[in-house]
Amino acid sequence: MKLVVRVKVLPTPVQAAALEATLHACNEAATWAASVAFEKEARRPLELRKHTYAEIRFRWGLGAQAAQHAIKKTCDAYTTLKANLRNGRYGRPGTKRHTRASGKPVAFRSEAAQPYDDRMLSWQHEQQTVSIWSTAGRLKSVAFTGQAEQLEVLAAHRRGESDLVFQGGKWLLIATCEIPEAAPNTHPAGFLGVDLGVVNIAVTSDGERHCGRRINRKREQDRNLRSELQKKNTKSARRRAKRYAGKEARRAKDINHKISKGIVAEAERTGRGIALETLTGIRERARLRKPQRATLHSWPFAQLGSFIAYKARKAGVPVVYVDPAYASQECSKCHHIARGNRPAQAVFSCRVCGFVDHADHNASHNIAHRGWMAWVCGVQSTAPELTLIT
């Protein structure tokens, strides 16, 4: 399976200036190539290369490999745009948004990522340095750093291209790694159900609750601060709001990593699979009061689901997705379904058999049961092909 490892690059001021000039040149060349592709309707690498390769090398002084990557990056951008237009990302054809997206050439930010292959970038893992191509020549002994786990994965499993990125004032290298998968557990002893929610981000059928009031209070404080900064609408307020938004996203990602790690470890230890609710339409299904809507819509449930799936795949734990309809209203003992079974948000009380439990815990048991039934019926385990270690 593929993992993406991100490490921090620590260039000297001279090296940083050379890398910045390199990114600017590569992205200017890619933007120009995009305009040519738009004008001549040449969206394939071989076709676009005939119109742009020589000019890119002469005008921007890019090496052969850098010029090839700039052209390929342009074609990939148009492929992504075409897919987004087809899938309705920019609305229906004829709308202003759709016309605006399809009616002009693709453009690249001056600091957008630039791919590097093994001819342009070499790693010295023992010294924790890289040798990297730039428009000012080859830069040697450029230091990089990262967590011990990241560096071990990078040294043992890196394959293919790496992307150079300048993000938030930091230089980063994002490398693709091929990780061997554990042998899949084809005979799970059962399934660990996971219920996703607002008050508790995730509750398992073992009774483990992840995140609660303390995290939600912090998230509410962040939203209130962001709202105040947006009302001020000054340059410094916008800059501060952007900084806090990045901090909130990093905190959410860290929490999702910890939750997913704990869930997968427990399933692996007990020889079970993991049953997750289908995330499609989760925001539309939840009927919440207005104060709770921001809490639901601000949490990256899809990210949590992908983290659980790829960690499970790495560990050989099967994952099954089930329809969560009425899981919160169904009794996990007698399977009677009624809206009256939920007298309060956190309370489940069956009207037929009298079973009482925490509502999220009861729902997770139902999801675990549905996961087992889906597995018996032959549903295969699924997990994403690519994810990110940070």
Protein backbone atom coordinates (compact mmCIF):
# COMPACT_ATOMS: atom_id res chain seq x y z
CA MET A 1 0.00 0.00 0.00
CA LYS A 2 1.05 3.59 -0.54
CA LEU A 3 1.75 6.07 2.25
CA VAL A 4 2.88 9.65 1.90
CA VAL A 5 5.51 10.86 4.37
CA ARG A 6 6.09 14.56 4.91
CA VAL A 7 9.42 15.80 6.31
CA LYS A 8 10.62 19.31 7.07
CA VAL A 9 13.51 20.72 5.03
CA LEU A 10 15.97 23.03 6.81
CA PRO A 11 17.80 24.99 4.08
CA THR A 12 20.29 27.77 4.75
CA PRO A 13 19.25 31.28 3.66
CA VAL A 14 21.20 30.89 0.40
CA GLN A 15 19.67 27.47 -0.27
CA ALA A 16 16.18 28.76 0.60
CA ALA A 17 16.55 31.61 -1.92
CA ALA A 18 17.58 29.12 -4.62
CA LEU A 19 14.65 26.82 -3.83
CA GLU A 20 12.22 29.76 -3.88
CA ALA A 21 13.52 30.90 -7.28
CA THR A 22 13.19 27.31 -8.53
CA LEU A 23 9.56 27.00 -7.45
CA HIS A 24 8.70 30.36 -9.00
CA ALA A 25 10.34 29.43 -12.31
CA CYS A 26 8.71 25.97 -12.47
CA ASN A 27 5.25 27.32 -11.69
CA GLU A 28 5.54 30.23 -14.10
CA ALA A 29 6.52 27.74 -16.79
CA ALA A 30 3.62 25.45 -15.86
CA THR A 31 1.16 28.38 -15.98
CA TRP A 32 2.43 29.36 -19.44
CA ALA A 33 2.16 25.73 -20.59
CA ALA A 34 -1.41 25.66 -19.26
CA SER A 35 -2.33 28.67 -21.39
CA VAL A 36 -0.85 26.95 -24.46
CA ALA A 37 -2.74 23.76 -23.64
CA PHE A 38 -5.97 25.77 -23.32
CA GLU A 39 -5.42 27.63 -26.58
CA LYS A 40 -4.37 24.62 -28.66
CA GLU A 41 -6.53 22.09 -26.78
CA ALA A 42 -3.45 19.96 -26.14
CA ARG A 43 -4.15 18.28 -22.82
CA ARG A 44 -1.94 15.18 -23.14
CA PRO A 45 1.75 15.21 -22.11
CA LEU A 46 3.17 14.06 -25.46
CA GLU A 47 1.04 16.50 -27.43
CA LEU A 48 1.71 19.44 -25.12
CA ARG A 49 5.43 18.68 -25.02
CA LYS A 50 5.71 19.38 -28.75
CA HIS A 51 4.40 22.94 -28.24
CA THR A 52 6.14 23.88 -25.00
CA TYR A 53 9.23 21.83 -24.12
CA ALA A 54 11.86 23.81 -26.03
CA GLU A 55 10.40 27.18 -24.98
CA ILE A 56 10.28 26.21 -21.30
CA ARG A 57 13.92 25.14 -21.32
CA PHE A 58 15.05 28.28 -23.14
CA ARG A 59 12.92 30.93 -21.38
CA TRP A 60 13.03 29.68 -17.79
CA GLY A 61 16.28 27.74 -17.89
CA LEU A 62 14.77 24.54 -16.52
CA GLY A 63 16.56 21.23 -16.78
CA ALA A 64 15.17 18.46 -18.95
CA GLN A 65 13.50 16.61 -16.07
CA ALA A 66 12.09 19.80 -14.51
CA ALA A 67 10.59 20.83 -17.85
CA GLN A 68 9.01 17.39 -18.27
CA HIS A 69 7.50 17.58 -14.79
CA ALA A 70 6.11 21.08 -15.39
CA ILE A 71 4.34 19.83 -18.53
CA LYS A 72 3.02 16.71 -16.80
CA LYS A 73 1.82 18.80 -13.85
CA THR A 74 -0.15 20.96 -16.27
CA CYS A 75 -1.81 17.95 -17.91
CA ASP A 76 -2.65 16.45 -14.52
CA ALA A 77 -4.29 19.74 -13.49
CA TYR A 78 -6.53 19.68 -16.57
CA THR A 79 -7.41 16.03 -15.93
CA THR A 80 -8.46 16.92 -12.38
CA LEU A 81 -10.46 19.93 -13.61
CA LYS A 82 -12.26 17.78 -16.16
CA ALA A 83 -13.19 15.23 -13.49
CA ASN A 84 -14.44 17.95 -11.13
CA LEU A 85 -16.57 19.50 -13.88
CA ARG A 86 -18.00 16.10 -14.77
CA ASN A 87 -18.80 15.31 -11.13
CA GLY A 88 -20.57 18.62 -10.54
CA ARG A 89 -17.94 20.17 -8.30
CA TYR A 90 -18.48 23.53 -10.03
CA GLY A 91 -22.22 23.24 -10.49
CA ARG A 92 -24.21 22.42 -13.59
CA PRO A 93 -23.09 23.40 -17.11
CA GLY A 94 -24.17 26.94 -17.95
CA THR A 95 -23.92 28.29 -14.41
CA LYS A 96 -21.53 31.15 -13.69
CA ARG A 97 -19.26 29.02 -11.55
CA HIS A 98 -19.04 26.24 -14.13
CA THR A 99 -18.37 28.73 -16.95
CA ARG A 100 -15.73 30.55 -14.92
CA ALA A 101 -13.90 27.29 -14.13
CA SER A 102 -14.01 25.88 -17.66
CA GLY A 103 -13.59 29.14 -19.59
CA LYS A 104 -10.04 30.06 -18.62
CA PRO A 105 -6.61 28.36 -18.46
CA VAL A 106 -5.39 26.67 -15.31
CA ALA A 107 -2.98 28.79 -13.25
CA PHE A 108 -0.46 27.73 -10.59
CA ARG A 109 0.54 29.61 -7.46
CA SER A 110 4.14 30.76 -7.45
CA GLU A 111 4.83 28.45 -4.47
CA ALA A 112 2.82 25.43 -5.62
CA ALA A 113 4.38 21.98 -5.20
CA GLN A 114 6.98 20.83 -7.72
CA PRO A 115 7.60 17.09 -8.26
CA TYR A 116 11.17 15.72 -8.14
CA ASP A 117 12.28 12.31 -9.37
CA ASP A 118 15.43 10.40 -8.45
CA ARG A 119 17.46 12.21 -11.11
CA MET A 120 16.71 15.57 -9.50
CA LEU A 121 16.70 14.57 -5.84
CA SER A 122 18.81 12.11 -3.86
CA TRP A 123 18.47 11.23 -0.19
CA GLN A 124 21.30 10.67 2.31
CA HIS A 125 19.38 9.11 5.18
CA GLU A 126 22.26 8.60 7.58
CA GLN A 127 23.27 12.27 7.36
CA GLN A 128 19.60 13.40 7.09
CA THR A 129 20.41 15.54 4.07
CA VAL A 130 19.27 15.70 0.44
CA SER A 131 20.93 16.77 -2.78
CA ILE A 132 18.36 18.67 -4.83
CA TRP A 133 18.29 20.31 -8.25
CA SER A 134 17.60 24.05 -8.50
CA THR A 135 17.82 26.72 -11.18
CA ALA A 136 21.01 27.89 -9.42
CA GLY A 137 22.61 24.47 -9.71
CA ARG A 138 22.68 21.36 -7.56
CA LEU A 139 22.18 22.11 -3.85
CA LYS A 140 24.02 19.58 -1.70
CA SER A 141 23.77 18.79 2.02
CA VAL A 142 20.33 20.35 2.46
CA ALA A 143 19.21 19.18 5.91
CA PHE A 144 15.81 17.66 6.65
CA THR A 145 14.14 16.41 9.82
CA GLY A 146 11.07 14.54 10.99
CA GLN A 147 9.75 12.15 13.58
CA ALA A 148 11.71 8.94 14.11
CA GLU A 149 8.84 6.81 12.76
CA GLN A 150 8.63 8.97 9.63
CA LEU A 151 12.35 8.75 8.95
CA GLU A 152 12.37 4.97 9.37
CA VAL A 153 9.51 4.56 6.90
CA LEU A 154 11.17 7.00 4.49
CA ALA A 155 14.53 5.21 4.56
CA ALA A 156 13.06 1.73 4.15
CA HIS A 157 10.15 2.20 1.77
CA ARG A 158 10.47 5.37 -0.33
CA ARG A 159 9.56 4.84 -3.98
CA GLY A 160 8.96 7.19 -6.90
CA GLU A 161 8.68 10.97 -6.88
CA SER A 162 8.83 13.49 -4.05
CA ASP A 163 7.18 16.93 -4.01
CA LEU A 164 8.90 20.09 -2.84
CA VAL A 165 6.42 22.42 -1.10
CA PHE A 166 6.68 25.82 0.59
CA GLN A 167 3.80 26.01 3.06
CA GLY A 168 3.22 28.33 5.99
CA GLY A 169 6.78 29.65 5.83
CA LYS A 170 8.22 26.12 5.97
CA TRP A 171 9.94 23.99 3.34
CA LEU A 172 8.61 20.45 3.07
CA LEU A 173 9.38 17.33 1.07
CA ILE A 174 6.45 14.96 0.54
CA ALA A 175 7.62 11.48 -0.47
CA THR A 176 5.63 8.44 -1.60
CA CYS A 177 6.41 5.15 0.16
CA GLU A 178 5.35 1.59 -0.67
CA ILE A 179 4.49 -0.15 2.61
CA PRO A 180 4.06 -3.95 2.71
CA GLU A 181 0.64 -4.93 4.01
CA ALA A 182 0.11 -7.44 6.78
CA ALA A 183 -1.64 -10.67 5.85
CA PRO A 184 -5.38 -9.92 5.96
CA ASN A 185 -7.45 -11.54 8.67
CA THR A 186 -9.91 -13.55 6.59
CA HIS A 187 -11.65 -15.13 9.61
CA PRO A 188 -12.37 -12.31 12.09
CA ALA A 189 -13.77 -13.28 15.48
CA GLY A 190 -16.34 -10.52 15.19
CA PHE A 191 -16.50 -6.83 14.46
CA LEU A 192 -15.75 -3.73 16.50
CA GLY A 193 -18.52 -1.24 15.76
CA VAL A 194 -17.72 2.48 15.61
CA ASP A 195 -20.45 5.11 15.96
CA LEU A 196 -19.57 8.67 14.91
CA GLY A 197 -21.28 11.63 16.52
CA VAL A 198 -21.17 15.18 17.82
CA VAL A 199 -20.89 14.93 21.61
CA ASN A 200 -18.49 12.01 21.24
CA ILE A 201 -16.51 11.93 18.01
CA ALA A 202 -16.36 8.12 18.07
CA VAL A 203 -17.78 5.45 20.39
CA THR A 204 -16.87 1.78 20.01
CA SER A 205 -18.94 -1.27 20.84
CA ASP A 206 -16.42 -2.03 23.61
CA GLY A 207 -17.60 1.12 25.39
CA GLU A 208 -14.57 3.30 24.55
CA ARG A 209 -15.54 6.94 24.04
CA HIS A 210 -13.18 9.23 22.15
CA CYS A 211 -13.33 12.98 22.65
CA GLY A 212 -16.11 14.68 24.50
CA ARG A 213 -17.05 17.91 26.15
CA ARG A 214 -13.51 19.21 26.66
CA ILE A 215 -12.65 18.99 22.96
CA ASN A 216 -15.99 20.44 21.92
CA ARG A 217 -15.54 23.38 24.31
CA LYS A 218 -12.16 24.11 22.76
CA ARG A 219 -13.65 23.89 19.29
CA GLU A 220 -16.41 26.29 20.32
CA GLN A 221 -13.82 28.76 21.64
CA ASP A 222 -11.97 28.56 18.33
CA ARG A 223 -15.16 29.24 16.38
CA ASN A 224 -16.06 32.24 18.56
CA LEU A 225 -12.58 33.70 18.15
CA ARG A 226 -12.69 33.16 14.39
CA SER A 227 -16.12 34.83 14.24
CA GLU A 228 -14.84 37.88 16.11
CA LEU A 229 -11.83 38.17 13.81
CA GLN A 230 -14.05 37.89 10.74
CA LYS A 231 -16.25 40.71 12.04
CA LYS A 232 -13.23 42.99 12.43
CA ASN A 233 -12.14 42.17 8.86
CA THR A 234 -8.83 44.00 9.17
CA LYS A 235 -5.64 42.78 7.54
CA SER A 236 -4.15 41.68 10.85
CA ALA A 237 -7.44 40.01 11.88
CA ARG A 238 -7.57 38.03 8.64
CA ARG A 239 -3.96 36.95 9.08
CA ARG A 240 -4.63 35.86 12.65
CA ALA A 241 -7.82 34.02 11.64
CA LYS A 242 -5.88 32.11 8.97
CA ARG A 243 -3.24 31.14 11.53
CA TYR A 244 -5.87 29.89 13.98
CA ALA A 245 -7.69 27.96 11.24
CA GLY A 246 -4.48 26.06 10.47
CA LYS A 247 -3.99 25.35 14.16
CA GLU A 248 -7.53 23.99 14.49
CA ALA A 249 -7.05 21.73 11.44
CA ARG A 250 -3.79 20.35 12.85
CA ARG A 251 -5.43 19.66 16.20
CA ALA A 252 -8.31 17.82 14.52
CA LYS A 253 -5.87 15.74 12.45
CA ASP A 254 -3.88 14.82 15.55
CA ILE A 255 -7.04 13.74 17.40
CA ASN A 256 -8.19 11.69 14.41
CA HIS A 257 -4.82 9.96 14.25
CA LYS A 258 -5.00 9.06 17.94
CA ILE A 259 -8.60 7.82 17.73
CA SER A 260 -7.93 5.70 14.64
CA LYS A 261 -4.74 4.25 16.12
CA GLY A 262 -6.56 3.14 19.27
CA ILE A 263 -9.48 1.60 17.38
CA VAL A 264 -7.27 -0.36 14.98
CA ALA A 265 -4.97 -1.56 17.78
CA GLU A 266 -7.92 -2.90 19.77
CA ALA A 267 -9.40 -4.68 16.74
CA GLU A 268 -6.01 -6.21 15.87
CA ARG A 269 -5.41 -7.34 19.46
CA THR A 270 -8.75 -9.11 19.68
CA GLY A 271 -8.71 -10.58 16.16
CA ARG A 272 -11.78 -8.66 15.03
CA GLY A 273 -12.67 -6.52 12.06
CA ILE A 274 -13.95 -2.94 12.15
CA ALA A 275 -17.47 -1.89 11.15
CA LEU A 276 -17.83 1.77 10.16
CA GLU A 277 -20.93 3.63 9.18
CA THR A 278 -21.07 4.85 5.59
CA LEU A 279 -19.97 8.48 5.71
CA THR A 280 -21.87 9.58 2.61
CA GLY A 281 -24.59 11.99 3.69
CA ILE A 282 -23.61 12.02 7.38
CA ARG A 283 -24.20 15.78 7.60
CA GLU A 284 -27.59 15.53 5.88
CA ARG A 285 -28.73 12.64 8.10
CA ALA A 286 -28.06 14.41 11.38
CA ARG A 287 -30.95 16.55 12.60
CA LEU A 288 -29.48 19.00 15.06
CA ARG A 289 -30.33 22.24 16.73
CA LYS A 290 -28.59 25.30 15.31
CA PRO A 291 -25.84 25.53 18.00
CA GLN A 292 -24.80 21.92 17.25
CA ARG A 293 -24.64 22.27 13.47
CA ALA A 294 -21.32 24.08 13.44
CA THR A 295 -19.82 21.36 15.64
CA LEU A 296 -20.94 18.64 13.22
CA HIS A 297 -19.93 20.44 10.03
CA SER A 298 -16.50 21.48 11.33
CA TRP A 299 -15.24 17.99 12.19
CA PRO A 300 -13.42 16.01 9.42
CA PHE A 301 -15.29 12.70 9.70
CA ALA A 302 -14.07 11.58 6.27
CA GLN A 303 -10.48 12.08 7.43
CA LEU A 304 -11.13 9.96 10.52
CA GLY A 305 -12.69 7.24 8.39
CA SER A 306 -9.74 7.21 5.98
CA PHE A 307 -7.25 7.09 8.88
CA ILE A 308 -9.02 4.07 10.38
CA ALA A 309 -9.20 2.37 6.98
CA TYR A 310 -5.55 2.76 6.00
CA LYS A 311 -4.24 1.83 9.47
CA ALA A 312 -6.48 -1.24 9.41
CA ARG A 313 -5.24 -2.19 5.98
CA LYS A 314 -1.66 -1.86 7.15
CA ALA A 315 -2.40 -4.13 10.13
CA GLY A 316 -4.43 -6.68 8.13
CA VAL A 317 -7.68 -5.81 9.92
CA PRO A 318 -10.79 -6.10 7.71
CA VAL A 319 -13.01 -3.02 7.43
CA VAL A 320 -16.67 -3.08 6.41
CA TYR A 321 -18.96 -0.10 5.81
CA VAL A 322 -22.63 -0.41 6.75
CA ASP A 323 -25.76 1.66 6.36
CA PRO A 324 -26.29 3.45 9.71
CA ALA A 325 -29.99 4.15 9.13
CA TYR A 326 -31.95 3.88 12.40
CA ALA A 327 -28.91 2.49 14.24
CA SER A 328 -29.51 5.00 17.04
CA GLN A 329 -33.19 3.98 17.34
CA GLU A 330 -32.69 0.21 17.17
CA CYS A 331 -32.35 -1.88 20.31
CA SER A 332 -29.13 -3.89 20.21
CA LYS A 333 -30.79 -6.67 22.26
CA CYS A 334 -34.23 -7.26 20.70
CA HIS A 335 -33.71 -5.09 17.54
CA HIS A 336 -36.96 -3.21 18.02
CA ILE A 337 -36.84 0.15 16.18
CA ALA A 338 -38.77 3.18 17.38
CA ARG A 339 -38.10 6.89 17.73
CA GLY A 340 -39.38 6.67 21.30
CA ASN A 341 -36.41 4.49 22.19
CA ARG A 342 -34.37 7.71 22.45
CA PRO A 343 -35.97 9.72 25.28
CA ALA A 344 -32.84 11.90 25.47
CA GLN A 345 -29.73 12.56 23.39
CA ALA A 346 -27.45 10.31 25.44
CA VAL A 347 -30.03 7.78 26.66
CA PHE A 348 -31.38 4.67 24.95
CA SER A 349 -34.34 2.90 26.55
CA CYS A 350 -36.13 0.16 24.60
CA ARG A 351 -39.93 0.38 24.74
CA VAL A 352 -40.29 -3.39 24.27
CA CYS A 353 -37.63 -5.23 26.28
CA GLY A 354 -36.66 -2.42 28.66
CA PHE A 355 -32.94 -2.48 27.76
CA VAL A 356 -31.18 0.75 28.83
CA ASP A 357 -27.77 1.93 27.64
CA HIS A 358 -25.85 4.98 26.47
CA ALA A 359 -27.32 5.86 23.08
CA ASP A 360 -23.98 5.96 21.21
CA HIS A 361 -22.83 2.68 22.78
CA ASN A 362 -26.07 1.01 21.74
CA ALA A 363 -25.70 2.35 18.19
CA SER A 364 -22.12 1.05 17.97
CA HIS A 365 -23.37 -2.45 18.89
CA ASN A 366 -25.90 -2.24 16.04
CA ILE A 367 -23.16 -1.16 13.63
CA ALA A 368 -20.97 -4.08 14.80
CA HIS A 369 -23.85 -6.51 14.21
CA ARG A 370 -24.52 -5.09 10.75
CA GLY A 371 -20.82 -5.30 9.97
CA TRP A 372 -20.77 -9.00 10.86
CA MET A 373 -23.86 -9.66 8.73
CA ALA A 374 -22.30 -7.78 5.80
CA TRP A 375 -19.09 -9.83 6.16
CA VAL A 376 -21.06 -13.09 6.22
CA CYS A 377 -22.82 -11.97 3.04
CA GLY A 378 -19.46 -11.50 1.32
CA VAL A 379 -18.76 -7.75 1.55
CA GLN A 380 -15.03 -7.17 1.00
CA SER A 381 -12.80 -4.99 3.12
CA THR A 382 -12.02 -1.57 1.59
CA ALA A 383 -9.39 1.03 2.34
CA PRO A 384 -7.92 4.07 0.53
CA GLU A 385 -4.84 3.68 -1.64
CA LEU A 386 -3.06 6.79 -0.40
CA THR A 387 -2.84 8.71 2.84
CA LEU A 388 -0.52 11.00 4.75
CA ILE A 389 1.77 10.54 7.77
CA THR A 390 2.34 13.84 9.57
